[in-house]
PDB file of N, CA and C in Angstrom:
ATOM      1  N   MET A   1       0.879 343.929-128.217  1.00  0.00           N
ATOM      2  CA  MET A   1       1.556 343.355-126.971  1.00  0.00           C
ATOM      3  C   MET A   1       2.752 344.645-126.177  1.00  0.00           C
ATOM      4  N   SER A   2       2.776 344.933-124.799  1.00  0.00           N
ATOM      5  CA  SER A   2       3.378 346.074-124.517  1.00  0.00           C
ATOM      6  C   SER A   2       5.073 344.838-124.305  1.00  0.00           C
ATOM      7  N   GLY A   3       6.491 345.233-123.779  1.00  0.00           N
ATOM      8  CA  GLY A   3       7.130 343.926-123.713  1.00  0.00           C
ATOM      9  C   GLY A   3       6.902 343.278-122.504  1.00  0.00           C
ATOM     10  N   VAL A   4       7.229 341.586-122.737  1.00  0.00           N
ATOM     11  CA  VAL A   4       7.518 341.002-121.977  1.00  0.00           C
ATOM     12  C   VAL A   4       8.718 340.430-120.932  1.00  0.00           C
ATOM     13  N   LYS A   5       8.381 339.955-119.574  1.00  0.00           N
ATOM     14  CA  LYS A   5       9.729 340.461-118.275  1.00  0.00           C
ATOM     15  C   LYS A   5      10.267 338.683-118.964  1.00  0.00           C
ATOM     16  N   VAL A   6      11.403 338.130-119.410  1.00  0.00           N
ATOM     17  CA  VAL A   6      11.691 337.523-119.992  1.00  0.00           C
ATOM     18  C   VAL A   6      13.358 336.900-119.134  1.00  0.00           C
ATOM     19  N   LEU A   7      12.815 335.386-118.440  1.00  0.00           N
ATOM     20  CA  LEU A   7      14.139 334.828-118.064  1.00  0.00           C
ATOM     21  C   LEU A   7      14.889 333.942-119.494  1.00  0.00           C
ATOM     22  N   LEU A   8      15.994 334.009-120.097  1.00  0.00           N
ATOM     23  CA  LEU A   8      16.529 333.645-120.858  1.00  0.00           C
ATOM     24  C   LEU A   8      17.768 332.490-120.452  1.00  0.00           C
ATOM     25  N   VAL A   9      17.140 331.369-120.436  1.00  0.00           N
ATOM     26  CA  VAL A   9      18.121 330.197-119.587  1.00  0.00           C
ATOM     27  C   VAL A   9      18.861 329.527-120.819  1.00  0.00           C
ATOM     28  N   ASP A  10      20.647 328.941-121.271  1.00  0.00           N
ATOM     29  CA  ASP A  10      21.052 328.576-122.048  1.00  0.00           C
ATOM     30  C   ASP A  10      22.533 328.769-121.716  1.00  0.00           C
ATOM     31  N   ASP A  11      23.164 327.928-121.624  1.00  0.00           N
ATOM     32  CA  ASP A  11      24.554 328.076-121.540  1.00  0.00           C
ATOM     33  C   ASP A  11      25.474 328.123-122.684  1.00  0.00           C
ATOM     34  N   GLU A  12      25.332 328.650-123.686  1.00  0.00           N
ATOM     35  CA  GLU A  12      25.880 329.271-125.165  1.00  0.00           C
ATOM     36  C   GLU A  12      25.614 330.294-124.902  1.00  0.00           C
ATOM     37  N   GLN A  13      26.590 331.516-124.202  1.00  0.00           N
ATOM     38  CA  GLN A  13      26.407 333.067-124.016  1.00  0.00           C
ATOM     39  C   GLN A  13      26.706 333.498-125.287  1.00  0.00           C
ATOM     40  N   GLU A  14      27.360 332.887-126.271  1.00  0.00           N
ATOM     41  CA  GLU A  14      26.886 333.798-127.475  1.00  0.00           C
ATOM     42  C   GLU A  14      25.378 333.950-128.298  1.00  0.00           C
ATOM     43  N   PHE A  15      24.718 332.771-128.167  1.00  0.00           N
ATOM     44  CA  PHE A  15      23.709 332.591-127.691  1.00  0.00           C
ATOM     45  C   PHE A  15      22.510 332.890-127.436  1.00  0.00           C
ATOM     46  N   THR A  16      22.850 333.158-126.092  1.00  0.00           N
ATOM     47  CA  THR A  16      21.762 334.385-125.253  1.00  0.00           C
ATOM     48  C   THR A  16      22.369 335.786-125.608  1.00  0.00           C
ATOM     49  N   SER A  17      23.623 336.348-125.726  1.00  0.00           N
ATOM     50  CA  SER A  17      23.829 337.316-126.113  1.00  0.00           C
ATOM     51  C   SER A  17      23.389 338.355-127.298  1.00  0.00           C
ATOM     52  N   ALA A  18      23.001 337.137-127.945  1.00  0.00           N
ATOM     53  CA  ALA A  18      22.518 337.649-129.164  1.00  0.00           C
ATOM     54  C   ALA A  18      20.950 337.587-128.885  1.00  0.00           C
ATOM     55  N   LEU A  19      20.468 336.453-128.508  1.00  0.00           N
ATOM     56  CA  LEU A  19      18.854 336.768-128.481  1.00  0.00           C
ATOM     57  C   LEU A  19      18.592 337.551-128.193  1.00  0.00           C
ATOM     58  N   SER A  20      19.187 337.467-126.610  1.00  0.00           N
ATOM     59  CA  SER A  20      18.895 339.074-125.573  1.00  0.00           C
ATOM     60  C   SER A  20      18.647 340.358-126.440  1.00  0.00           C
ATOM     61  N   GLU A  21      19.279 340.607-127.341  1.00  0.00           N
ATOM     62  CA  GLU A  21      19.849 342.010-128.027  1.00  0.00           C
ATOM     63  C   GLU A  21      18.522 341.765-129.038  1.00  0.00           C
ATOM     64  N   ARG A  22      18.199 340.719-129.366  1.00  0.00           N
ATOM     65  CA  ARG A  22      16.826 340.841-130.658  1.00  0.00           C
ATOM     66  C   ARG A  22      15.923 341.069-129.601  1.00  0.00           C
ATOM     67  N   LEU A  23      15.730 340.457-128.413  1.00  0.00           N
ATOM     68  CA  LEU A  23      14.523 340.667-127.953  1.00  0.00           C
ATOM     69  C   LEU A  23      14.646 342.099-127.276  1.00  0.00           C
ATOM     70  N   GLU A  24      15.381 342.728-126.638  1.00  0.00           N
ATOM     71  CA  GLU A  24      15.474 343.713-125.834  1.00  0.00           C
ATOM     72  C   GLU A  24      14.951 344.896-127.142  1.00  0.00           C
ATOM     73  N   ILE A  25      15.516 344.536-128.241  1.00  0.00           N
ATOM     74  CA  ILE A  25      15.390 345.637-129.463  1.00  0.00           C
ATOM     75  C   ILE A  25      13.236 345.605-129.576  1.00  0.00           C
ATOM     76  N   ARG A  26      12.928 344.580-129.486  1.00  0.00           N
ATOM     77  CA  ARG A  26      11.443 344.829-129.629  1.00  0.00           C
ATOM     78  C   ARG A  26      10.688 345.161-128.380  1.00  0.00           C
ATOM     79  N   GLY A  27      11.682 345.715-127.616  1.00  0.00           N
ATOM     80  CA  GLY A  27      10.650 345.953-126.535  1.00  0.00           C
ATOM     81  C   GLY A  27      10.873 345.098-125.047  1.00  0.00           C
ATOM     82  N   HIS A  28      11.424 343.924-125.099  1.00  0.00           N
ATOM     83  CA  HIS A  28      11.052 342.894-123.967  1.00  0.00           C
ATOM     84  C   HIS A  28      12.246 343.404-122.987  1.00  0.00           C
ATOM     85  N   ALA A  29      11.794 343.214-121.536  1.00  0.00           N
ATOM     86  CA  ALA A  29      12.944 342.859-120.755  1.00  0.00           C
ATOM     87  C   ALA A  29      13.182 341.528-120.935  1.00  0.00           C
ATOM     88  N   VAL A  30      15.202 341.250-120.191  1.00  0.00           N
ATOM     89  CA  VAL A  30      15.451 340.264-120.754  1.00  0.00           C
ATOM     90  C   VAL A  30      16.584 339.995-119.489  1.00  0.00           C
ATOM     91  N   ARG A  31      16.418 338.857-118.739  1.00  0.00           N
ATOM     92  CA  ARG A  31      17.740 338.829-117.473  1.00  0.00           C
ATOM     93  C   ARG A  31      17.725 337.616-118.313  1.00  0.00           C
ATOM     94  N   VAL A  32      19.019 337.132-118.449  1.00  0.00           N
ATOM     95  CA  VAL A  32      19.870 335.841-118.548  1.00  0.00           C
ATOM     96  C   VAL A  32      20.509 335.523-117.684  1.00  0.00           C
ATOM     97  N   ALA A  33      20.166 333.800-117.743  1.00  0.00           N
ATOM     98  CA  ALA A  33      20.801 332.753-117.155  1.00  0.00           C
ATOM     99  C   ALA A  33      22.022 331.770-117.778  1.00  0.00           C
ATOM    100  N   ASP A  34      23.025 331.437-117.405  1.00  0.00           N
ATOM    101  CA  ASP A  34      23.949 330.773-117.681  1.00  0.00           C
ATOM    102  C   ASP A  34      23.780 329.322-117.487  1.00  0.00           C
ATOM    103  N   SER A  35      23.487 328.917-116.151  1.00  0.00           N
ATOM    104  CA  SER A  35      22.956 328.126-115.943  1.00  0.00           C
ATOM    105  C   SER A  35      21.552 327.089-115.087  1.00  0.00           C
ATOM    106  N   GLY A  36      21.331 326.495-114.975  1.00  0.00           N
ATOM    107  CA  GLY A  36      20.013 325.976-113.674  1.00  0.00           C
ATOM    108  C   GLY A  36      20.072 326.372-112.743  1.00  0.00           C
ATOM    109  N   GLU A  37      20.670 326.650-112.344  1.00  0.00           N
ATOM    110  CA  GLU A  37      21.199 326.931-110.725  1.00  0.00           C
ATOM    111  C   GLU A  37      20.850 328.259-110.885  1.00  0.00           C
ATOM    112  N   GLU A  38      21.741 329.308-111.330  1.00  0.00           N
ATOM    113  CA  GLU A  38      21.642 330.637-111.772  1.00  0.00           C
ATOM    114  C   GLU A  38      20.189 331.303-112.393  1.00  0.00           C
ATOM    115  N   ALA A  39      19.186 329.911-112.750  1.00  0.00           N
ATOM    116  CA  ALA A  39      17.754 330.752-113.514  1.00  0.00           C
ATOM    117  C   ALA A  39      17.221 330.654-112.013  1.00  0.00           C
ATOM    118  N   LEU A  40      17.286 329.153-110.857  1.00  0.00           N
ATOM    119  CA  LEU A  40      16.332 329.145-110.321  1.00  0.00           C
ATOM    120  C   LEU A  40      16.351 330.598-109.387  1.00  0.00           C
ATOM    121  N   GLU A  41      17.941 331.102-109.394  1.00  0.00           N
ATOM    122  CA  GLU A  41      18.061 332.137-108.745  1.00  0.00           C
ATOM    123  C   GLU A  41      17.442 333.006-108.785  1.00  0.00           C
ATOM    124  N   ILE A  42      17.362 333.631-109.660  1.00  0.00           N
ATOM    125  CA  ILE A  42      17.057 334.997-110.613  1.00  0.00           C
ATOM    126  C   ILE A  42      15.205 334.535-110.482  1.00  0.00           C
ATOM    127  N   ALA A  43      14.604 332.751-110.926  1.00  0.00           N
ATOM    128  CA  ALA A  43      13.820 333.497-110.830  1.00  0.00           C
ATOM    129  C   ALA A  43      12.945 333.593-109.399  1.00  0.00           C
ATOM    130  N   GLU A  44      13.416 332.941-108.637  1.00  0.00           N
ATOM    131  CA  GLU A  44      12.806 333.766-106.860  1.00  0.00           C
ATOM    132  C   GLU A  44      12.628 334.602-106.669  1.00  0.00           C
ATOM    133  N   ALA A  45      14.224 335.448-107.392  1.00  0.00           N
ATOM    134  CA  ALA A  45      14.404 336.745-106.393  1.00  0.00           C
ATOM    135  C   ALA A  45      13.453 337.851-107.802  1.00  0.00           C
ATOM    136  N   GLU A  46      12.908 337.704-108.529  1.00  0.00           N
ATOM    137  CA  GLU A  46      12.327 338.460-110.007  1.00  0.00           C
ATOM    138  C   GLU A  46      11.755 337.716-110.793  1.00  0.00           C
ATOM    139  N   PRO A  47      10.379 337.162-110.035  1.00  0.00           N
ATOM    140  CA  PRO A  47       9.556 335.819-111.250  1.00  0.00           C
ATOM    141  C   PRO A  47       9.597 336.356-112.504  1.00  0.00           C
ATOM    142  N   PRO A  48       9.847 335.939-113.356  1.00  0.00           N
ATOM    143  CA  PRO A  48       9.516 336.217-114.836  1.00  0.00           C
ATOM    144  C   PRO A  48       8.089 336.266-115.313  1.00  0.00           C
ATOM    145  N   GLU A  49       7.993 337.054-115.746  1.00  0.00           N
ATOM    146  CA  GLU A  49       6.243 336.734-117.405  1.00  0.00           C
ATOM    147  C   GLU A  49       6.363 335.016-118.049  1.00  0.00           C
ATOM    148  N   VAL A  50       7.469 335.132-118.378  1.00  0.00           N
ATOM    149  CA  VAL A  50       7.571 333.549-119.367  1.00  0.00           C
ATOM    150  C   VAL A  50       9.217 333.508-119.300  1.00  0.00           C
ATOM    151  N   VAL A  51       9.658 331.997-118.656  1.00  0.00           N
ATOM    152  CA  VAL A  51      10.980 331.687-119.245  1.00  0.00           C
ATOM    153  C   VAL A  51      10.899 331.157-120.498  1.00  0.00           C
ATOM    154  N   VAL A  52      12.356 330.926-120.837  1.00  0.00           N
ATOM    155  CA  VAL A  52      12.837 330.331-122.365  1.00  0.00           C
ATOM    156  C   VAL A  52      13.780 329.807-122.008  1.00  0.00           C
ATOM    157  N   LEU A  53      13.770 328.288-121.625  1.00  0.00           N
ATOM    158  CA  LEU A  53      15.042 327.536-121.024  1.00  0.00           C
ATOM    159  C   LEU A  53      15.516 326.548-122.147  1.00  0.00           C
ATOM    160  N   ASP A  54      16.218 326.543-122.449  1.00  0.00           N
ATOM    161  CA  ASP A  54      17.129 325.429-123.366  1.00  0.00           C
ATOM    162  C   ASP A  54      17.149 324.027-122.527  1.00  0.00           C
ATOM    163  N   LEU A  55      17.181 323.022-123.049  1.00  0.00           N
ATOM    164  CA  LEU A  55      17.262 321.587-121.978  1.00  0.00           C
ATOM    165  C   LEU A  55      18.623 320.900-122.095  1.00  0.00           C
ATOM    166  N   LYS A  56      19.387 321.353-123.318  1.00  0.00           N
ATOM    167  CA  LYS A  56      20.594 320.950-123.062  1.00  0.00           C
ATOM    168  C   LYS A  56      21.723 321.712-122.413  1.00  0.00           C
ATOM    169  N   MET A  57      22.258 321.310-120.908  1.00  0.00           N
ATOM    170  CA  MET A  57      22.764 322.434-120.181  1.00  0.00           C
ATOM    171  C   MET A  57      23.631 321.339-119.382  1.00  0.00           C
ATOM    172  N   PRO A  58      25.249 321.725-119.059  1.00  0.00           N
ATOM    173  CA  PRO A  58      25.811 320.900-118.167  1.00  0.00           C
ATOM    174  C   PRO A  58      24.602 321.220-116.557  1.00  0.00           C
ATOM    175  N   GLY A  59      25.320 320.461-115.302  1.00  0.00           N
ATOM    176  CA  GLY A  59      24.947 320.496-114.440  1.00  0.00           C
ATOM    177  C   GLY A  59      23.273 320.079-114.498  1.00  0.00           C
ATOM    178  N   LEU A  60      22.584 321.401-113.991  1.00  0.00           N
ATOM    179  CA  LEU A  60      21.036 320.860-113.849  1.00  0.00           C
ATOM    180  C   LEU A  60      20.887 321.067-115.436  1.00  0.00           C
ATOM    181  N   SER A  61      19.808 319.588-115.773  1.00  0.00           N
ATOM    182  CA  SER A  61      19.265 319.616-116.950  1.00  0.00           C
ATOM    183  C   SER A  61      17.925 321.030-117.180  1.00  0.00           C
ATOM    184  N   GLY A  62      17.535 320.812-118.190  1.00  0.00           N
ATOM    185  CA  GLY A  62      16.762 321.807-118.455  1.00  0.00           C
ATOM    186  C   GLY A  62      15.337 321.176-117.972  1.00  0.00           C
ATOM    187  N   ILE A  63      15.145 320.100-118.241  1.00  0.00           N
ATOM    188  CA  ILE A  63      14.266 318.996-117.374  1.00  0.00           C
ATOM    189  C   ILE A  63      14.169 319.247-115.811  1.00  0.00           C
ATOM    190  N   GLU A  64      14.812 319.109-115.919  1.00  0.00           N
ATOM    191  CA  GLU A  64      14.939 319.534-113.656  1.00  0.00           C
ATOM    192  C   GLU A  64      14.936 321.033-113.288  1.00  0.00           C
ATOM    193  N   VAL A  65      14.978 321.811-114.519  1.00  0.00           N
ATOM    194  CA  VAL A  65      14.986 323.217-113.794  1.00  0.00           C
ATOM    195  C   VAL A  65      13.562 323.910-114.173  1.00  0.00           C
ATOM    196  N   LEU A  66      12.772 323.274-115.344  1.00  0.00           N
ATOM    197  CA  LEU A  66      11.613 322.719-115.680  1.00  0.00           C
ATOM    198  C   LEU A  66      10.982 322.277-114.299  1.00  0.00           C
ATOM    199  N   LYS A  67      11.006 321.378-113.772  1.00  0.00           N
ATOM    200  CA  LYS A  67      10.579 320.759-112.661  1.00  0.00           C
ATOM    201  C   LYS A  67      10.400 321.795-111.556  1.00  0.00           C
ATOM    202  N   ARG A  68      11.619 322.139-111.096  1.00  0.00           N
ATOM    203  CA  ARG A  68      12.023 322.955-110.255  1.00  0.00           C
ATOM    204  C   ARG A  68      11.218 324.251-110.126  1.00  0.00           C
ATOM    205  N   LEU A  69      10.926 325.005-111.774  1.00  0.00           N
ATOM    206  CA  LEU A  69      10.204 326.232-111.748  1.00  0.00           C
ATOM    207  C   LEU A  69       8.959 326.146-111.638  1.00  0.00           C
ATOM    208  N   LYS A  70       8.280 324.549-112.008  1.00  0.00           N
ATOM    209  CA  LYS A  70       6.876 324.580-112.298  1.00  0.00           C
ATOM    210  C   LYS A  70       6.416 324.777-110.640  1.00  0.00           C
ATOM    211  N   SER A  71       7.827 323.844-109.464  1.00  0.00           N
ATOM    212  CA  SER A  71       6.814 323.905-108.446  1.00  0.00           C
ATOM    213  C   SER A  71       6.631 325.116-108.066  1.00  0.00           C
ATOM    214  N   MET A  72       7.918 326.004-107.900  1.00  0.00           N
ATOM    215  CA  MET A  72       8.692 327.219-107.385  1.00  0.00           C
ATOM    216  C   MET A  72       7.095 328.432-108.272  1.00  0.00           C
ATOM    217  N   LEU A  73       6.957 328.322-109.671  1.00  0.00           N
ATOM    218  CA  LEU A  73       6.112 329.660-109.740  1.00  0.00           C
ATOM    219  C   LEU A  73       5.382 328.729-110.740  1.00  0.00           C
ATOM    220  N   PRO A  74       4.511 328.102-110.014  1.00  0.00           N
ATOM    221  CA  PRO A  74       3.317 327.491-111.080  1.00  0.00           C
ATOM    222  C   PRO A  74       2.439 328.051-112.540  1.00  0.00           C
ATOM    223  N   GLN A  75       2.692 329.284-112.119  1.00  0.00           N
ATOM    224  CA  GLN A  75       2.166 330.287-112.832  1.00  0.00           C
ATOM    225  C   GLN A  75       3.042 330.784-114.236  1.00  0.00           C
ATOM    226  N   VAL A  76       4.041 330.639-114.064  1.00  0.00           N
ATOM    227  CA  VAL A  76       5.197 330.932-115.128  1.00  0.00           C
ATOM    228  C   VAL A  76       5.373 330.341-116.338  1.00  0.00           C
ATOM    229  N   PRO A  77       4.885 330.713-117.254  1.00  0.00           N
ATOM    230  CA  PRO A  77       4.835 329.561-118.343  1.00  0.00           C
ATOM    231  C   PRO A  77       6.200 329.579-118.774  1.00  0.00           C
ATOM    232  N   VAL A  78       6.878 328.254-119.493  1.00  0.00           N
ATOM    233  CA  VAL A  78       8.313 328.032-119.850  1.00  0.00           C
ATOM    234  C   VAL A  78       8.262 327.621-121.445  1.00  0.00           C
ATOM    235  N   LEU A  79       8.592 328.481-122.334  1.00  0.00           N
ATOM    236  CA  LEU A  79       8.919 327.472-123.314  1.00  0.00           C
ATOM    237  C   LEU A  79      10.489 326.805-123.003  1.00  0.00           C
ATOM    238  N   LEU A  80      10.572 325.792-124.319  1.00  0.00           N
ATOM    239  CA  LEU A  80      11.649 324.892-124.228  1.00  0.00           C
ATOM    240  C   LEU A  80      12.184 325.188-125.448  1.00  0.00           C
ATOM    241  N   LEU A  81      13.539 325.038-125.598  1.00  0.00           N
ATOM    242  CA  LEU A  81      14.586 325.195-126.580  1.00  0.00           C
ATOM    243  C   LEU A  81      14.991 324.046-126.522  1.00  0.00           C
ATOM    244  N   THR A  82      14.709 323.054-127.826  1.00  0.00           N
ATOM    245  CA  THR A  82      15.506 322.147-128.026  1.00  0.00           C
ATOM    246  C   THR A  82      16.240 322.161-129.483  1.00  0.00           C
ATOM    247  N   GLY A  83      17.610 321.047-129.901  1.00  0.00           N
ATOM    248  CA  GLY A  83      18.054 320.680-130.977  1.00  0.00           C
ATOM    249  C   GLY A  83      17.091 320.538-132.037  1.00  0.00           C
ATOM    250  N   TYR A  84      17.762 320.347-132.884  1.00  0.00           N
ATOM    251  CA  TYR A  84      17.271 319.499-134.247  1.00  0.00           C
ATOM    252  C   TYR A  84      16.770 318.411-133.885  1.00  0.00           C
ATOM    253  N   GLY A  85      16.155 317.546-133.642  1.00  0.00           N
ATOM    254  CA  GLY A  85      15.945 315.542-133.517  1.00  0.00           C
ATOM    255  C   GLY A  85      15.715 315.761-132.170  1.00  0.00           C
ATOM    256  N   SER A  86      15.496 316.418-131.304  1.00  0.00           N
ATOM    257  CA  SER A  86      15.350 316.471-129.784  1.00  0.00           C
ATOM    258  C   SER A  86      14.133 316.727-129.423  1.00  0.00           C
ATOM    259  N   THR A  87      12.958 316.023-130.454  1.00  0.00           N
ATOM    260  CA  THR A  87      11.405 316.670-130.137  1.00  0.00           C
ATOM    261  C   THR A  87      11.186 315.539-128.816  1.00  0.00           C
ATOM    262  N   GLU A  88      11.313 314.606-128.905  1.00  0.00           N
ATOM    263  CA  GLU A  88      11.046 313.590-127.599  1.00  0.00           C
ATOM    264  C   GLU A  88      10.708 314.425-126.286  1.00  0.00           C
ATOM    265  N   GLU A  89      12.507 314.870-126.366  1.00  0.00           N
ATOM    266  CA  GLU A  89      12.545 315.710-124.763  1.00  0.00           C
ATOM    267  C   GLU A  89      11.615 317.283-124.823  1.00  0.00           C
ATOM    268  N   GLY A  90      11.230 317.460-125.740  1.00  0.00           N
ATOM    269  CA  GLY A  90      10.211 318.943-125.600  1.00  0.00           C
ATOM    270  C   GLY A  90       8.819 318.428-125.258  1.00  0.00           C
ATOM    271  N   ILE A  91       8.843 316.767-125.591  1.00  0.00           N
ATOM    272  CA  ILE A  91       7.343 316.900-126.071  1.00  0.00           C
ATOM    273  C   ILE A  91       7.504 316.120-124.211  1.00  0.00           C
ATOM    274  N   LYS A  92       8.271 315.557-123.400  1.00  0.00           N
ATOM    275  CA  LYS A  92       8.133 315.330-122.253  1.00  0.00           C
ATOM    276  C   LYS A  92       8.211 316.344-121.766  1.00  0.00           C
ATOM    277  N   GLY A  93       8.935 317.808-121.629  1.00  0.00           N
ATOM    278  CA  GLY A  93       8.763 318.861-120.939  1.00  0.00           C
ATOM    279  C   GLY A  93       7.636 319.210-120.814  1.00  0.00           C
ATOM    280  N   MET A  94       6.756 319.435-122.107  1.00  0.00           N
ATOM    281  CA  MET A  94       5.397 319.545-121.840  1.00  0.00           C
ATOM    282  C   MET A  94       4.497 318.786-121.106  1.00  0.00           C
ATOM    283  N   GLN A  95       4.765 317.306-120.909  1.00  0.00           N
ATOM    284  CA  GLN A  95       4.192 316.772-120.236  1.00  0.00           C
ATOM    285  C   GLN A  95       4.095 316.902-118.743  1.00  0.00           C
ATOM    286  N   LEU A  96       5.233 318.006-118.873  1.00  0.00           N
ATOM    287  CA  LEU A  96       5.715 318.208-117.238  1.00  0.00           C
ATOM    288  C   LEU A  96       5.082 319.828-116.872  1.00  0.00           C
ATOM    289  N   GLY A  97       4.485 319.658-117.744  1.00  0.00           N
ATOM    290  CA  GLY A  97       3.927 321.811-117.518  1.00  0.00           C
ATOM    291  C   GLY A  97       4.891 322.816-118.461  1.00  0.00           C
ATOM    292  N   ALA A  98       5.705 322.150-119.083  1.00  0.00           N
ATOM    293  CA  ALA A  98       5.694 323.523-120.395  1.00  0.00           C
ATOM    294  C   ALA A  98       5.081 323.600-121.031  1.00  0.00           C
ATOM    295  N   PHE A  99       5.126 325.034-121.590  1.00  0.00           N
ATOM    296  CA  PHE A  99       4.273 326.063-122.552  1.00  0.00           C
ATOM    297  C   PHE A  99       3.915 325.098-123.939  1.00  0.00           C
ATOM    298  N   ASP A 100       5.318 325.313-124.393  1.00  0.00           N
ATOM    299  CA  ASP A 100       5.499 324.549-125.686  1.00  0.00           C
ATOM    300  C   ASP A 100       6.982 324.384-125.580  1.00  0.00           C
ATOM    301  N   TYR A 101       7.475 323.987-126.576  1.00  0.00           N
ATOM    302  CA  TYR A 101       9.114 324.307-127.293  1.00  0.00           C
ATOM    303  C   TYR A 101       8.884 324.571-128.776  1.00  0.00           C
ATOM    304  N   LEU A 102      10.239 324.847-128.742  1.00  0.00           N
ATOM    305  CA  LEU A 102      11.259 325.315-130.181  1.00  0.00           C
ATOM    306  C   LEU A 102      12.195 325.043-130.331  1.00  0.00           C
ATOM    307  N   LEU A 103      12.466 324.553-131.661  1.00  0.00           N
ATOM    308  CA  LEU A 103      13.213 323.608-132.181  1.00  0.00           C
ATOM    309  C   LEU A 103      14.692 324.931-132.807  1.00  0.00           C
ATOM    310  N   LYS A 104      16.088 324.817-131.980  1.00  0.00           N
ATOM    311  CA  LYS A 104      16.803 325.246-132.184  1.00  0.00           C
ATOM    312  C   LYS A 104      17.293 325.080-133.986  1.00  0.00           C
ATOM    313  N   PRO A 105      17.821 325.982-135.032  1.00  0.00           N
ATOM    314  CA  PRO A 105      18.035 327.681-135.018  1.00  0.00           C
ATOM    315  C   PRO A 105      16.600 328.113-134.154  1.00  0.00           C
ATOM    316  N   LEU A 106      16.896 329.223-133.573  1.00  0.00           N
ATOM    317  CA  LEU A 106      15.440 329.595-133.554  1.00  0.00           C
ATOM    318  C   LEU A 106      14.956 331.159-134.320  1.00  0.00           C
ATOM    319  N   ASN A 107      14.048 330.873-134.569  1.00  0.00           N
ATOM    320  CA  ASN A 107      13.190 331.772-135.213  1.00  0.00           C
ATOM    321  C   ASN A 107      12.625 332.832-134.468  1.00  0.00           C
ATOM    322  N   ILE A 108      13.127 334.250-134.458  1.00  0.00           N
ATOM    323  CA  ILE A 108      12.701 335.303-133.468  1.00  0.00           C
ATOM    324  C   ILE A 108      11.207 335.342-133.521  1.00  0.00           C
ATOM    325  N   THR A 109      10.579 335.400-134.870  1.00  0.00           N
ATOM    326  CA  THR A 109       9.495 335.910-135.053  1.00  0.00           C
ATOM    327  C   THR A 109       8.550 334.628-134.078  1.00  0.00           C
ATOM    328  N   ASP A 110       8.736 333.282-134.345  1.00  0.00           N
ATOM    329  CA  ASP A 110       7.786 331.984-133.967  1.00  0.00           C
ATOM    330  C   ASP A 110       8.095 332.371-132.613  1.00  0.00           C
ATOM    331  N   LEU A 111       9.535 332.381-131.590  1.00  0.00           N
ATOM    332  CA  LEU A 111       9.839 332.874-130.671  1.00  0.00           C
ATOM    333  C   LEU A 111       8.793 333.854-129.495  1.00  0.00           C
ATOM    334  N   ILE A 112       8.914 335.091-130.576  1.00  0.00           N
ATOM    335  CA  ILE A 112       8.226 336.136-130.036  1.00  0.00           C
ATOM    336  C   ILE A 112       6.108 335.780-129.892  1.00  0.00           C
ATOM    337  N   LYS A 113       6.494 335.198-130.818  1.00  0.00           N
ATOM    338  CA  LYS A 113       4.823 334.827-130.696  1.00  0.00           C
ATOM    339  C   LYS A 113       4.340 333.506-130.145  1.00  0.00           C
ATOM    340  N   LYS A 114       5.129 332.711-129.473  1.00  0.00           N
ATOM    341  CA  LYS A 114       4.964 331.544-128.419  1.00  0.00           C
ATOM    342  C   LYS A 114       4.975 332.580-127.086  1.00  0.00           C
ATOM    343  N   MET A 115       5.899 333.488-126.668  1.00  0.00           N
ATOM    344  CA  MET A 115       5.488 334.286-125.759  1.00  0.00           C
ATOM    345  C   MET A 115       4.697 334.694-125.616  1.00  0.00           C
ATOM    346  N   GLN A 116       4.042 335.749-126.681  1.00  0.00           N
ATOM    347  CA  GLN A 116       3.553 336.159-126.157  1.00  0.00           C
ATOM    348  C   GLN A 116       1.627 335.575-126.026  1.00  0.00           C
ATOM    349  N   GLU A 117       1.852 334.102-126.555  1.00  0.00           N
ATOM    350  CA  GLU A 117       0.658 333.135-127.022  1.00  0.00           C
ATOM    351  C   GLU A 117       1.006 332.595-124.763  1.00  0.00           C
ATOM    352  N   ALA A 118       1.753 332.685-124.583  1.00  0.00           N
ATOM    353  CA  ALA A 118       2.396 332.048-123.023  1.00  0.00           C
ATOM    354  C   ALA A 118       1.892 333.022-121.973  1.00  0.00           C
ATOM    355  N   VAL A 119       2.174 334.357-122.228  1.00  0.00           N
ATOM    356  CA  VAL A 119       1.888 335.327-121.027  1.00  0.00           C
ATOM    357  C   VAL A 119       0.759 335.898-121.209  1.00  0.00           C
ATOM    358  N   GLY A 120      -0.301 335.564-122.880  1.00  0.00           N
ATOM    359  CA  GLY A 120      -1.649 336.051-122.943  1.00  0.00           C
ATOM    360  C   GLY A 120      -2.436 335.093-122.492  1.00  0.00           C
ATOM    361  N   GLY A 121      -1.990 333.437-122.771  1.00  0.00           N
ATOM    362  CA  GLY A 121      -2.345 332.174-121.360  1.00  0.00           C
ATOM    363  C   GLY A 121      -2.615 332.474-120.352  1.00  0.00           C
ATOM    364  N   SER A 122      -1.630 333.179-119.785  1.00  0.00           N
ATOM    365  CA  SER A 122      -1.563 333.073-118.197  1.00  0.00           C
ATOM    366  C   SER A 122      -2.167 333.390-117.200  1.00  0.00           C
ATOM    367  N   GLN A 123      -2.557 335.203-118.256  1.00  0.00           N
ATOM    368  CA  GLN A 123      -3.147 336.124-117.583  1.00  0.00           C
ATOM    369  C   GLN A 123      -4.609 336.335-116.985  1.00  0.00           C
TER     370      GLN A 123
END
């Protein structure tokens, strides 16, 4: 599969920097947003093929961003990132339309596999 256009949303800049670099090395085009508000602006201006969204962020929560993304771009799959012990939020997110959720710390291979499943299933 060729590279995927990814919107990575997380307020932890060290995490997004490292993850975006690892995804770009593997041929994916990555845009990074460090807040829910910024993510919505980017998604509206340049719709991604998949969104990787952290649930725990200041300002707009990941759940609120998910709701807005799904009303704005219902065809774009969203993968949620949640910390250890927060699986309930991941499940809630899936009930609201997320494609799936992954636990932090993240395994890059698992993430790429989920991204490919999400994009493959939406085409």
